[in-house]
Amino acid sequence: MKKLATLLVIGVVAFMYSCGPSAKELEEKRIADSIRVADSLAMVQAEQQRVADSIAKAQDEKKIADSIAHQDSIKKGLIKGAKKHAKK
């Protein structure tokens, strides 16, 4: 009976081991995971670049708006413009 139980346990362990993924399947899964991580990193970097571009565009638009507002203030006489240097 002891030999039968031992043989049965060895058989079950061998059967469970053979049901696991093969080396080829494990390698394919590792490659797929690497590709997924690389794609995720690329998406994050693209989003960071989009945000940086958006911030730069907003800053440029603010500079233009400030310049227009400054010129309007000069025209309305609210502030004085910069003195121009006379050429000799």
Protein backbone atom coordinates (compact mmCIF):
# COMPACT_ATOMS: atom_id res chain seq x y z
CA MET A 1 0.00 0.00 0.00
CA LYS A 2 2.87 2.33 0.84
CA LYS A 3 4.47 1.70 -2.55
CA LEU A 4 1.17 2.35 -4.31
CA ALA A 5 0.70 5.65 -2.46
CA THR A 6 4.27 6.71 -3.24
CA LEU A 7 3.81 5.77 -6.90
CA LEU A 8 0.52 7.67 -7.00
CA VAL A 9 2.10 10.81 -5.47
CA ILE A 10 5.00 10.66 -7.95
CA GLY A 11 2.51 10.23 -10.78
CA VAL A 12 0.46 13.23 -9.65
CA VAL A 13 3.57 15.41 -9.29
CA ALA A 14 4.79 14.37 -12.76
CA PHE A 15 1.35 15.06 -14.22
CA MET A 16 1.16 18.52 -12.62
CA TYR A 17 4.66 19.38 -13.80
CA SER A 18 3.85 18.40 -17.37
CA CYS A 19 0.76 20.64 -17.38
CA GLY A 20 2.81 23.79 -16.82
CA PRO A 21 3.92 26.16 -19.60
CA SER A 22 6.80 25.07 -21.78
CA ALA A 23 10.05 27.00 -22.11
CA LYS A 24 8.90 28.31 -25.48
CA GLU A 25 5.63 29.56 -23.99
CA LEU A 26 7.47 31.21 -21.11
CA GLU A 27 9.84 32.97 -23.57
CA GLU A 28 6.89 34.16 -25.70
CA LYS A 29 5.19 35.52 -22.58
CA ARG A 30 8.39 37.30 -21.50
CA ILE A 31 8.73 38.91 -24.95
CA ALA A 32 5.06 39.95 -24.97
CA ASP A 33 5.44 41.48 -21.50
CA SER A 34 8.56 43.39 -22.62
CA ILE A 35 6.73 44.76 -25.66
CA ARG A 36 3.77 45.78 -23.49
CA VAL A 37 6.05 47.62 -21.05
CA ALA A 38 7.90 49.37 -23.91
CA ASP A 39 4.59 50.45 -25.45
CA SER A 40 3.40 51.77 -22.10
CA LEU A 41 6.61 53.77 -21.64
CA ALA A 42 6.26 55.21 -25.14
CA MET A 43 2.69 56.27 -24.40
CA VAL A 44 3.75 57.97 -21.16
CA GLN A 45 6.59 59.79 -22.92
CA ALA A 46 4.25 60.92 -25.71
CA GLU A 47 1.78 62.26 -23.13
CA GLN A 48 4.56 64.11 -21.30
CA GLN A 49 5.68 65.67 -24.60
CA ARG A 50 2.09 66.66 -25.42
CA VAL A 51 1.73 68.35 -22.01
CA ALA A 52 5.08 70.15 -22.41
CA ASP A 53 4.06 71.36 -25.90
CA SER A 54 0.71 72.54 -24.55
CA ILE A 55 2.39 74.49 -21.75
CA ALA A 56 4.85 76.10 -24.19
CA LYS A 57 1.99 77.07 -26.52
CA ALA A 58 0.03 78.60 -23.62
CA GLN A 59 3.10 80.59 -22.54
CA ASP A 60 3.60 81.89 -26.08
CA GLU A 61 -0.05 82.91 -26.30
CA LYS A 62 0.24 84.70 -22.95
CA LYS A 63 3.30 86.62 -24.15
CA ILE A 64 1.40 87.72 -27.27
CA ALA A 65 -1.64 88.73 -25.20
CA ASP A 66 0.57 90.64 -22.75
CA SER A 67 2.29 92.44 -25.62
CA ILE A 68 -1.05 93.41 -27.17
CA ALA A 69 -2.35 94.60 -23.79
CA HIS A 70 0.83 96.63 -23.26
CA GLN A 71 0.47 98.32 -26.66
CA ASP A 72 -3.21 99.06 -25.95
CA SER A 73 -2.26 100.63 -22.62
CA ILE A 74 0.30 102.85 -24.36
CA LYS A 75 -2.26 103.89 -26.99
CA LYS A 76 -4.82 104.73 -24.31
CA GLY A 77 -2.24 106.77 -22.42
CA LEU A 78 -2.41 104.61 -19.34
CA ILE A 79 1.34 104.03 -19.41
CA LYS A 80 4.25 105.63 -21.19
CA GLY A 81 6.11 103.78 -23.87
CA ALA A 82 9.84 103.22 -23.79
CA LYS A 83 11.92 106.18 -24.90
CA LYS A 84 13.50 105.76 -28.29
CA HIS A 85 17.14 106.69 -28.65
CA ALA A 86 17.90 109.30 -31.26
CA LYS A 87 20.46 108.39 -33.91
CA LYS A 88 23.38 110.71 -34.47
